[in-house]
PDB file of all heavy atoms in Angstrom:
ATOM      1  N   GLY A   1       5.977  -2.635 -10.670  1.00  0.00           N
ATOM      2  CA  GLY A   1       5.178  -2.534  -9.461  1.00  0.00           C
ATOM      3  C   GLY A   1       5.599  -1.392  -8.563  1.00  0.00           C
ATOM      4  O   GLY A   1       6.172  -0.400  -9.007  1.00  0.00           O
ATOM      5  N   LEU A   2       5.318  -1.561  -7.281  1.00  0.00           N
ATOM      6  CA  LEU A   2       5.583  -0.544  -6.273  1.00  0.00           C
ATOM      7  C   LEU A   2       6.544  -1.080  -5.222  1.00  0.00           C
ATOM      8  O   LEU A   2       6.468  -2.252  -4.851  1.00  0.00           O
ATOM      9  CB  LEU A   2       4.289  -0.136  -5.566  1.00  0.00           C
ATOM     10  CG  LEU A   2       3.243   0.579  -6.391  1.00  0.00           C
ATOM     11  CD1 LEU A   2       1.898   0.547  -5.693  1.00  0.00           C
ATOM     12  CD2 LEU A   2       3.677   2.013  -6.622  1.00  0.00           C
ATOM     13  N   THR A   3       7.403  -0.203  -4.737  1.00  0.00           N
ATOM     14  CA  THR A   3       8.232  -0.512  -3.581  1.00  0.00           C
ATOM     15  C   THR A   3       7.845   0.478  -2.494  1.00  0.00           C
ATOM     16  O   THR A   3       7.918   1.686  -2.703  1.00  0.00           O
ATOM     17  CB  THR A   3       9.728  -0.375  -3.904  1.00  0.00           C
ATOM     18  OG1 THR A   3      10.040  -1.235  -4.999  1.00  0.00           O
ATOM     19  CG2 THR A   3      10.581  -0.744  -2.705  1.00  0.00           C
ATOM     20  N   VAL A   4       7.385  -0.040  -1.362  1.00  0.00           N
ATOM     21  CA  VAL A   4       6.966   0.798  -0.241  1.00  0.00           C
ATOM     22  C   VAL A   4       8.022   0.650   0.853  1.00  0.00           C
ATOM     23  O   VAL A   4       8.214  -0.438   1.394  1.00  0.00           O
ATOM     24  CB  VAL A   4       5.581   0.379   0.279  1.00  0.00           C
ATOM     25  CG1 VAL A   4       5.169   1.232   1.464  1.00  0.00           C
ATOM     26  CG2 VAL A   4       4.546   0.462  -0.836  1.00  0.00           C
ATOM     27  N   VAL A   5       8.711   1.755   1.142  1.00  0.00           N
ATOM     28  CA  VAL A   5       9.745   1.762   2.168  1.00  0.00           C
ATOM     29  C   VAL A   5       9.194   2.511   3.378  1.00  0.00           C
ATOM     30  O   VAL A   5       8.986   3.720   3.316  1.00  0.00           O
ATOM     31  CB  VAL A   5      11.044   2.436   1.663  1.00  0.00           C
ATOM     32  CG1 VAL A   5      12.104   2.432   2.759  1.00  0.00           C
ATOM     33  CG2 VAL A   5      11.555   1.740   0.414  1.00  0.00           C
ATOM     34  N   ASN A   6       8.922   1.789   4.443  1.00  0.00           N
ATOM     35  CA  ASN A   6       8.488   2.357   5.710  1.00  0.00           C
ATOM     36  C   ASN A   6       9.671   2.274   6.678  1.00  0.00           C
ATOM     37  O   ASN A   6      10.710   1.708   6.332  1.00  0.00           O
ATOM     38  CB  ASN A   6       7.253   1.621   6.225  1.00  0.00           C
ATOM     39  CG  ASN A   6       6.002   2.011   5.447  1.00  0.00           C
ATOM     40  OD1 ASN A   6       5.899   3.111   4.920  1.00  0.00           O
ATOM     41  ND2 ASN A   6       5.042   1.104   5.376  1.00  0.00           N
ATOM     42  N   PRO A   7       9.563   2.812   7.891  1.00  0.00           N
ATOM     43  CA  PRO A   7      10.748   2.882   8.751  1.00  0.00           C
ATOM     44  C   PRO A   7      11.494   1.566   8.947  1.00  0.00           C
ATOM     45  O   PRO A   7      12.713   1.541   8.847  1.00  0.00           O
ATOM     46  CB  PRO A   7      10.195   3.394  10.082  1.00  0.00           C
ATOM     47  CG  PRO A   7       9.035   4.214   9.698  1.00  0.00           C
ATOM     48  CD  PRO A   7       8.424   3.503   8.511  1.00  0.00           C
ATOM     49  N   PHE A   8      10.814   0.492   9.209  1.00  0.00           N
ATOM     50  CA  PHE A   8      11.521  -0.746   9.524  1.00  0.00           C
ATOM     51  C   PHE A   8      11.179  -1.895   8.605  1.00  0.00           C
ATOM     52  O   PHE A   8      11.538  -3.040   8.880  1.00  0.00           O
ATOM     53  CB  PHE A   8      11.273  -1.126  10.991  1.00  0.00           C
ATOM     54  CG  PHE A   8      11.786  -0.079  11.935  1.00  0.00           C
ATOM     55  CD1 PHE A   8      10.921   0.804  12.545  1.00  0.00           C
ATOM     56  CD2 PHE A   8      13.139   0.054  12.168  1.00  0.00           C
ATOM     57  CE1 PHE A   8      11.395   1.795  13.398  1.00  0.00           C
ATOM     58  CE2 PHE A   8      13.631   1.033  13.010  1.00  0.00           C
ATOM     59  CZ  PHE A   8      12.760   1.909  13.624  1.00  0.00           C
ATOM     60  N   ARG A   9      10.487  -1.603   7.500  1.00  0.00           N
ATOM     61  CA  ARG A   9      10.141  -2.673   6.561  1.00  0.00           C
ATOM     62  C   ARG A   9      10.027  -2.111   5.155  1.00  0.00           C
ATOM     63  O   ARG A   9       9.445  -1.057   4.938  1.00  0.00           O
ATOM     64  CB  ARG A   9       8.817  -3.304   6.966  1.00  0.00           C
ATOM     65  CG  ARG A   9       8.477  -4.482   6.097  1.00  0.00           C
ATOM     66  CD  ARG A   9       7.344  -5.291   6.650  1.00  0.00           C
ATOM     67  NE  ARG A   9       7.146  -6.434   5.778  1.00  0.00           N
ATOM     68  CZ  ARG A   9       6.015  -7.081   5.683  1.00  0.00           C
ATOM     69  NH1 ARG A   9       4.978  -6.721   6.406  1.00  0.00           N
ATOM     70  NH2 ARG A   9       5.897  -8.107   4.870  1.00  0.00           N
ATOM     71  N   THR A  10      10.576  -2.845   4.218  1.00  0.00           N
ATOM     72  CA  THR A  10      10.438  -2.520   2.802  1.00  0.00           C
ATOM     73  C   THR A  10       9.648  -3.642   2.159  1.00  0.00           C
ATOM     74  O   THR A  10       9.943  -4.820   2.377  1.00  0.00           O
ATOM     75  CB  THR A  10      11.823  -2.400   2.136  1.00  0.00           C
ATOM     76  OG1 THR A  10      12.540  -1.342   2.780  1.00  0.00           O
ATOM     77  CG2 THR A  10      11.693  -2.109   0.653  1.00  0.00           C
ATOM     78  N   ARG A  11       8.653  -3.273   1.381  1.00  0.00           N
ATOM     79  CA  ARG A  11       7.808  -4.288   0.749  1.00  0.00           C
ATOM     80  C   ARG A  11       7.699  -3.995  -0.734  1.00  0.00           C
ATOM     81  O   ARG A  11       7.408  -2.876  -1.131  1.00  0.00           O
ATOM     82  CB  ARG A  11       6.424  -4.291   1.400  1.00  0.00           C
ATOM     83  CG  ARG A  11       5.506  -5.311   0.811  1.00  0.00           C
ATOM     84  CD  ARG A  11       4.810  -6.125   1.858  1.00  0.00           C
ATOM     85  NE  ARG A  11       3.938  -7.098   1.198  1.00  0.00           N
ATOM     86  CZ  ARG A  11       2.696  -7.297   1.522  1.00  0.00           C
ATOM     87  NH1 ARG A  11       2.140  -6.629   2.507  1.00  0.00           N
ATOM     88  NH2 ARG A  11       1.980  -8.196   0.881  1.00  0.00           N
ATOM     89  N   ARG A  12       7.914  -5.004  -1.541  1.00  0.00           N
ATOM     90  CA  ARG A  12       7.796  -4.911  -2.994  1.00  0.00           C
ATOM     91  C   ARG A  12       6.448  -5.486  -3.399  1.00  0.00           C
ATOM     92  O   ARG A  12       6.103  -6.602  -3.015  1.00  0.00           O
ATOM     93  CB  ARG A  12       8.940  -5.683  -3.646  1.00  0.00           C
ATOM     94  CG  ARG A  12       8.923  -5.671  -5.126  1.00  0.00           C
ATOM     95  CD  ARG A  12       9.341  -4.332  -5.671  1.00  0.00           C
ATOM     96  NE  ARG A  12       9.179  -4.371  -7.118  1.00  0.00           N
ATOM     97  CZ  ARG A  12       8.981  -3.321  -7.863  1.00  0.00           C
ATOM     98  NH1 ARG A  12       8.970  -2.130  -7.332  1.00  0.00           N
ATOM     99  NH2 ARG A  12       8.835  -3.429  -9.148  1.00  0.00           N
ATOM    100  N   LEU A  13       5.673  -4.713  -4.171  1.00  0.00           N
ATOM    101  CA  LEU A  13       4.354  -5.146  -4.624  1.00  0.00           C
ATOM    102  C   LEU A  13       4.312  -5.155  -6.144  1.00  0.00           C
ATOM    103  O   LEU A  13       4.720  -4.178  -6.779  1.00  0.00           O
ATOM    104  CB  LEU A  13       3.271  -4.184  -4.122  1.00  0.00           C
ATOM    105  CG  LEU A  13       3.143  -3.977  -2.622  1.00  0.00           C
ATOM    106  CD1 LEU A  13       2.222  -2.808  -2.329  1.00  0.00           C
ATOM    107  CD2 LEU A  13       2.639  -5.247  -1.967  1.00  0.00           C
ATOM    108  N   ALA A  14       3.829  -6.234  -6.719  1.00  0.00           N
ATOM    109  CA  ALA A  14       3.546  -6.243  -8.154  1.00  0.00           C
ATOM    110  C   ALA A  14       2.262  -5.445  -8.360  1.00  0.00           C
ATOM    111  O   ALA A  14       1.415  -5.352  -7.462  1.00  0.00           O
ATOM    112  CB  ALA A  14       3.367  -7.677  -8.643  1.00  0.00           C
ATOM    113  N   TRP A  15       2.101  -4.860  -9.530  1.00  0.00           N
ATOM    114  CA  TRP A  15       0.905  -4.059  -9.792  1.00  0.00           C
ATOM    115  C   TRP A  15      -0.368  -4.868  -9.575  1.00  0.00           C
ATOM    116  O   TRP A  15      -1.361  -4.361  -9.061  1.00  0.00           O
ATOM    117  CB  TRP A  15       0.929  -3.492 -11.205  1.00  0.00           C
ATOM    118  CG  TRP A  15       1.869  -2.338 -11.360  1.00  0.00           C
ATOM    119  CD1 TRP A  15       3.010  -2.298 -12.110  1.00  0.00           C
ATOM    120  CD2 TRP A  15       1.755  -1.043 -10.754  1.00  0.00           C
ATOM    121  NE1 TRP A  15       3.611  -1.076 -12.000  1.00  0.00           N
ATOM    122  CE2 TRP A  15       2.849  -0.279 -11.179  1.00  0.00           C
ATOM    123  CE3 TRP A  15       0.838  -0.457  -9.888  1.00  0.00           C
ATOM    124  CZ2 TRP A  15       3.051   1.039 -10.765  1.00  0.00           C
ATOM    125  CZ3 TRP A  15       1.035   0.853  -9.483  1.00  0.00           C
ATOM    126  CH2 TRP A  15       2.127   1.582  -9.925  1.00  0.00           C
ATOM    127  N   ALA A  16      -0.334  -6.144  -9.925  1.00  0.00           N
ATOM    128  CA  ALA A  16      -1.530  -6.978  -9.792  1.00  0.00           C
ATOM    129  C   ALA A  16      -1.939  -7.193  -8.331  1.00  0.00           C
ATOM    130  O   ALA A  16      -3.087  -7.519  -8.055  1.00  0.00           O
ATOM    131  CB  ALA A  16      -1.299  -8.327 -10.465  1.00  0.00           C
ATOM    132  N   GLU A  17      -1.017  -6.995  -7.395  1.00  0.00           N
ATOM    133  CA  GLU A  17      -1.338  -7.149  -5.978  1.00  0.00           C
ATOM    134  C   GLU A  17      -2.127  -5.973  -5.418  1.00  0.00           C
ATOM    135  O   GLU A  17      -2.764  -6.095  -4.378  1.00  0.00           O
ATOM    136  CB  GLU A  17      -0.058  -7.297  -5.160  1.00  0.00           C
ATOM    137  CG  GLU A  17       0.703  -8.569  -5.388  1.00  0.00           C
ATOM    138  CD  GLU A  17       1.956  -8.599  -4.540  1.00  0.00           C
ATOM    139  OE1 GLU A  17       1.837  -8.824  -3.317  1.00  0.00           O
ATOM    140  OE2 GLU A  17       3.049  -8.373  -5.089  1.00  0.00           O
ATOM    141  N   VAL A  18      -2.058  -4.829  -6.082  1.00  0.00           N
ATOM    142  CA  VAL A  18      -2.673  -3.615  -5.564  1.00  0.00           C
ATOM    143  C   VAL A  18      -4.092  -3.495  -6.106  1.00  0.00           C
ATOM    144  O   VAL A  18      -4.302  -3.332  -7.303  1.00  0.00           O
ATOM    145  CB  VAL A  18      -1.847  -2.369  -5.949  1.00  0.00           C
ATOM    146  CG1 VAL A  18      -2.492  -1.112  -5.381  1.00  0.00           C
ATOM    147  CG2 VAL A  18      -0.413  -2.514  -5.468  1.00  0.00           C
ATOM    148  N   VAL A  19      -5.060  -3.575  -5.212  1.00  0.00           N
ATOM    149  CA  VAL A  19      -6.463  -3.464  -5.600  1.00  0.00           C
ATOM    150  C   VAL A  19      -6.896  -2.004  -5.628  1.00  0.00           C
ATOM    151  O   VAL A  19      -7.578  -1.556  -6.541  1.00  0.00           O
ATOM    152  CB  VAL A  19      -7.360  -4.273  -4.636  1.00  0.00           C
ATOM    153  CG1 VAL A  19      -8.829  -4.074  -4.951  1.00  0.00           C
ATOM    154  CG2 VAL A  19      -6.989  -5.743  -4.688  1.00  0.00           C
ATOM    155  N   ASN A  20      -6.493  -1.248  -4.608  1.00  0.00           N
ATOM    156  CA  ASN A  20      -6.908   0.145  -4.504  1.00  0.00           C
ATOM    157  C   ASN A  20      -5.944   0.879  -3.578  1.00  0.00           C
ATOM    158  O   ASN A  20      -5.207   0.256  -2.818  1.00  0.00           O
ATOM    159  CB  ASN A  20      -8.337   0.229  -3.959  1.00  0.00           C
ATOM    160  CG  ASN A  20      -8.976   1.584  -4.173  1.00  0.00           C
ATOM    161  OD1 ASN A  20      -8.476   2.412  -4.926  1.00  0.00           O
ATOM    162  ND2 ASN A  20     -10.097   1.812  -3.516  1.00  0.00           N
ATOM    163  N   VAL A  21      -5.976   2.196  -3.645  1.00  0.00           N
ATOM    164  CA  VAL A  21      -5.223   3.023  -2.714  1.00  0.00           C
ATOM    165  C   VAL A  21      -6.157   4.125  -2.233  1.00  0.00           C
ATOM    166  O   VAL A  21      -6.874   4.731  -3.023  1.00  0.00           O
ATOM    167  CB  VAL A  21      -3.928   3.583  -3.351  1.00  0.00           C
ATOM    168  CG1 VAL A  21      -4.211   4.452  -4.557  1.00  0.00           C
ATOM    169  CG2 VAL A  21      -3.111   4.353  -2.320  1.00  0.00           C
ATOM    170  N   THR A  22      -6.182   4.332  -0.912  1.00  0.00           N
ATOM    171  CA  THR A  22      -7.071   5.340  -0.338  1.00  0.00           C
ATOM    172  C   THR A  22      -6.305   6.236   0.617  1.00  0.00           C
ATOM    173  O   THR A  22      -5.297   5.831   1.212  1.00  0.00           O
ATOM    174  CB  THR A  22      -8.238   4.691   0.441  1.00  0.00           C
ATOM    175  OG1 THR A  22      -7.698   3.854   1.464  1.00  0.00           O
ATOM    176  CG2 THR A  22      -9.129   3.875  -0.472  1.00  0.00           C
ATOM    177  N   MET A  23      -6.817   7.457   0.759  1.00  0.00           N
ATOM    178  CA  MET A  23      -6.273   8.400   1.736  1.00  0.00           C
ATOM    179  C   MET A  23      -7.412   9.340   2.105  1.00  0.00           C
ATOM    180  O   MET A  23      -7.644  10.341   1.437  1.00  0.00           O
ATOM    181  CB  MET A  23      -5.082   9.165   1.174  1.00  0.00           C
ATOM    182  CG  MET A  23      -4.375  10.027   2.175  1.00  0.00           C
ATOM    183  SD  MET A  23      -2.883  10.708   1.428  1.00  0.00           S
ATOM    184  CE  MET A  23      -2.301  11.704   2.772  1.00  0.00           C
ATOM    185  N   ASN A  24      -8.147   8.961   3.140  1.00  0.00           N
ATOM    186  CA  ASN A  24      -9.290   9.742   3.573  1.00  0.00           C
ATOM    187  C   ASN A  24      -8.836  10.969   4.358  1.00  0.00           C
ATOM    188  O   ASN A  24      -7.710  11.018   4.855  1.00  0.00           O
ATOM    189  CB  ASN A  24     -10.221   8.886   4.429  1.00  0.00           C
ATOM    190  CG  ASN A  24     -10.740   7.698   3.661  1.00  0.00           C
ATOM    191  OD1 ASN A  24     -11.103   7.805   2.491  1.00  0.00           O
ATOM    192  ND2 ASN A  24     -10.741   6.537   4.296  1.00  0.00           N
ATOM    193  N   ALA A  25      -9.724  11.931   4.500  1.00  0.00           N
ATOM    194  CA  ALA A  25      -9.428  13.118   5.296  1.00  0.00           C
ATOM    195  C   ALA A  25      -9.043  12.691   6.706  1.00  0.00           C
ATOM    196  O   ALA A  25      -9.718  11.869   7.326  1.00  0.00           O
ATOM    197  CB  ALA A  25     -10.637  14.037   5.325  1.00  0.00           C
ATOM    198  N   GLY A  26      -7.950  13.210   7.191  1.00  0.00           N
ATOM    199  CA  GLY A  26      -7.472  12.851   8.524  1.00  0.00           C
ATOM    200  C   GLY A  26      -6.485  11.713   8.548  1.00  0.00           C
ATOM    201  O   GLY A  26      -5.834  11.479   9.570  1.00  0.00           O
ATOM    202  N   ASP A  27      -6.364  10.969   7.453  1.00  0.00           N
ATOM    203  CA  ASP A  27      -5.368   9.891   7.394  1.00  0.00           C
ATOM    204  C   ASP A  27      -3.974  10.506   7.276  1.00  0.00           C
ATOM    205  O   ASP A  27      -3.767  11.438   6.495  1.00  0.00           O
ATOM    206  CB  ASP A  27      -5.609   8.975   6.192  1.00  0.00           C
ATOM    207  CG  ASP A  27      -6.809   8.072   6.358  1.00  0.00           C
ATOM    208  OD1 ASP A  27      -7.362   8.023   7.470  1.00  0.00           O
ATOM    209  OD2 ASP A  27      -7.199   7.424   5.365  1.00  0.00           O
ATOM    210  N   PRO A  28      -2.987   9.965   7.999  1.00  0.00           N
ATOM    211  CA  PRO A  28      -1.636  10.525   7.910  1.00  0.00           C
ATOM    212  C   PRO A  28      -0.912  10.172   6.620  1.00  0.00           C
ATOM    213  O   PRO A  28      -0.019  10.888   6.188  1.00  0.00           O
ATOM    214  CB  PRO A  28      -0.927   9.932   9.119  1.00  0.00           C
ATOM    215  CG  PRO A  28      -1.680   8.685   9.435  1.00  0.00           C
ATOM    216  CD  PRO A  28      -3.103   8.925   9.009  1.00  0.00           C
ATOM    217  N   TRP A  29      -1.297   9.074   5.981  1.00  0.00           N
ATOM    218  CA  TRP A  29      -0.659   8.635   4.735  1.00  0.00           C
ATOM    219  C   TRP A  29      -1.599   7.671   4.011  1.00  0.00           C
ATOM    220  O   TRP A  29      -2.556   7.170   4.582  1.00  0.00           O
ATOM    221  CB  TRP A  29       0.688   7.964   4.997  1.00  0.00           C
ATOM    222  CG  TRP A  29       0.708   7.083   6.197  1.00  0.00           C
ATOM    223  CD1 TRP A  29       0.125   5.861   6.325  1.00  0.00           C
ATOM    224  CD2 TRP A  29       1.311   7.364   7.461  1.00  0.00           C
ATOM    225  NE1 TRP A  29       0.343   5.361   7.588  1.00  0.00           N
ATOM    226  CE2 TRP A  29       1.068   6.267   8.303  1.00  0.00           C
ATOM    227  CE3 TRP A  29       2.059   8.428   7.952  1.00  0.00           C
ATOM    228  CZ2 TRP A  29       1.532   6.218   9.609  1.00  0.00           C
ATOM    229  CZ3 TRP A  29       2.511   8.365   9.251  1.00  0.00           C
ATOM    230  CH2 TRP A  29       2.251   7.275  10.068  1.00  0.00           C
ATOM    231  N   PRO A  30      -1.309   7.372   2.737  1.00  0.00           N
ATOM    232  CA  PRO A  30      -2.173   6.461   1.964  1.00  0.00           C
ATOM    233  C   PRO A  30      -2.099   5.028   2.473  1.00  0.00           C
ATOM    234  O   PRO A  30      -1.124   4.609   3.091  1.00  0.00           O
ATOM    235  CB  PRO A  30      -1.606   6.534   0.549  1.00  0.00           C
ATOM    236  CG  PRO A  30      -0.693   7.684   0.515  1.00  0.00           C
ATOM    237  CD  PRO A  30      -0.254   7.945   1.911  1.00  0.00           C
ATOM    238  N   THR A  31      -3.152   4.286   2.167  1.00  0.00           N
ATOM    239  CA  THR A  31      -3.220   2.867   2.505  1.00  0.00           C
ATOM    240  C   THR A  31      -3.551   2.088   1.237  1.00  0.00           C
ATOM    241  O   THR A  31      -4.495   2.416   0.529  1.00  0.00           O
ATOM    242  CB  THR A  31      -4.306   2.613   3.564  1.00  0.00           C
ATOM    243  OG1 THR A  31      -4.004   3.394   4.716  1.00  0.00           O
ATOM    244  CG2 THR A  31      -4.361   1.147   3.946  1.00  0.00           C
ATOM    245  N   PHE A  32      -2.738   1.063   0.960  1.00  0.00           N
ATOM    246  CA  PHE A  32      -2.990   0.184  -0.168  1.00  0.00           C
ATOM    247  C   PHE A  32      -3.885  -0.963   0.282  1.00  0.00           C
ATOM    248  O   PHE A  32      -3.627  -1.580   1.313  1.00  0.00           O
ATOM    249  CB  PHE A  32      -1.692  -0.410  -0.720  1.00  0.00           C
ATOM    250  CG  PHE A  32      -0.801   0.588  -1.379  1.00  0.00           C
ATOM    251  CD1 PHE A  32       0.331   1.067  -0.742  1.00  0.00           C
ATOM    252  CD2 PHE A  32      -1.089   1.058  -2.650  1.00  0.00           C
ATOM    253  CE1 PHE A  32       1.155   1.985  -1.346  1.00  0.00           C
ATOM    254  CE2 PHE A  32      -0.268   1.985  -3.270  1.00  0.00           C
ATOM    255  CZ  PHE A  32       0.853   2.445  -2.617  1.00  0.00           C
ATOM    256  N   ASP A  33      -4.932  -1.246  -0.493  1.00  0.00           N
ATOM    257  CA  ASP A  33      -5.727  -2.452  -0.305  1.00  0.00           C
ATOM    258  C   ASP A  33      -5.125  -3.491  -1.245  1.00  0.00           C
ATOM    259  O   ASP A  33      -5.032  -3.262  -2.454  1.00  0.00           O
ATOM    260  CB  ASP A  33      -7.194  -2.208  -0.654  1.00  0.00           C
ATOM    261  CG  ASP A  33      -7.847  -1.216   0.288  1.00  0.00           C
ATOM    262  OD1 ASP A  33      -7.531  -1.255   1.489  1.00  0.00           O
ATOM    263  OD2 ASP A  33      -8.655  -0.404  -0.178  1.00  0.00           O
ATOM    264  N   LEU A  34      -4.734  -4.615  -0.691  1.00  0.00           N
ATOM    265  CA  LEU A  34      -4.029  -5.623  -1.472  1.00  0.00           C
ATOM    266  C   LEU A  34      -4.941  -6.785  -1.825  1.00  0.00           C
ATOM    267  O   LEU A  34      -5.948  -7.034  -1.161  1.00  0.00           O
ATOM    268  CB  LEU A  34      -2.803  -6.111  -0.702  1.00  0.00           C
ATOM    269  CG  LEU A  34      -1.826  -5.005  -0.277  1.00  0.00           C
ATOM    270  CD1 LEU A  34      -0.677  -5.597   0.516  1.00  0.00           C
ATOM    271  CD2 LEU A  34      -1.328  -4.222  -1.474  1.00  0.00           C
ATOM    272  N   ALA A  35      -4.572  -7.504  -2.862  1.00  0.00           N
ATOM    273  CA  ALA A  35      -5.387  -8.602  -3.378  1.00  0.00           C
ATOM    274  C   ALA A  35      -5.575  -9.722  -2.362  1.00  0.00           C
ATOM    275  O   ALA A  35      -6.573 -10.437  -2.406  1.00  0.00           O
ATOM    276  CB  ALA A  35      -4.758  -9.154  -4.657  1.00  0.00           C
ATOM    277  N   ASP A  36      -4.655  -9.876  -1.420  1.00  0.00           N
ATOM    278  CA  ASP A  36      -4.788 -10.941  -0.425  1.00  0.00           C
ATOM    279  C   ASP A  36      -5.685 -10.539   0.749  1.00  0.00           C
ATOM    280  O   ASP A  36      -5.798 -11.267   1.730  1.00  0.00           O
ATOM    281  CB  ASP A  36      -3.416 -11.400   0.069  1.00  0.00           C
ATOM    282  CG  ASP A  36      -2.656 -10.312   0.814  1.00  0.00           C
ATOM    283  OD1 ASP A  36      -3.192  -9.193   0.992  1.00  0.00           O
ATOM    284  OD2 ASP A  36      -1.509 -10.583   1.231  1.00  0.00           O
ATOM    285  N   GLY A  37      -6.304  -9.358   0.676  1.00  0.00           N
ATOM    286  CA  GLY A  37      -7.225  -8.911   1.716  1.00  0.00           C
ATOM    287  C   GLY A  37      -6.582  -8.079   2.810  1.00  0.00           C
ATOM    288  O   GLY A  37      -7.265  -7.619   3.716  1.00  0.00           O
ATOM    289  N   THR A  38      -5.268  -7.879   2.738  1.00  0.00           N
ATOM    290  CA  THR A  38      -4.577  -7.072   3.742  1.00  0.00           C
ATOM    291  C   THR A  38      -4.426  -5.641   3.255  1.00  0.00           C
ATOM    292  O   THR A  38      -4.738  -5.330   2.102  1.00  0.00           O
ATOM    293  CB  THR A  38      -3.181  -7.652   4.061  1.00  0.00           C
ATOM    294  OG1 THR A  38      -2.385  -7.624   2.867  1.00  0.00           O
ATOM    295  CG2 THR A  38      -3.296  -9.077   4.596  1.00  0.00           C
TER     296      THR A  38
END
């Protein structure tokens, strides 16, 4: 899976939890869409 380390939180994601990843023009960084809707 993926390990996302942000400044004050580290989150481990299994591959099955990741639905999509997006980074639109103007976004400062990518955003993961997760299976739980978050």
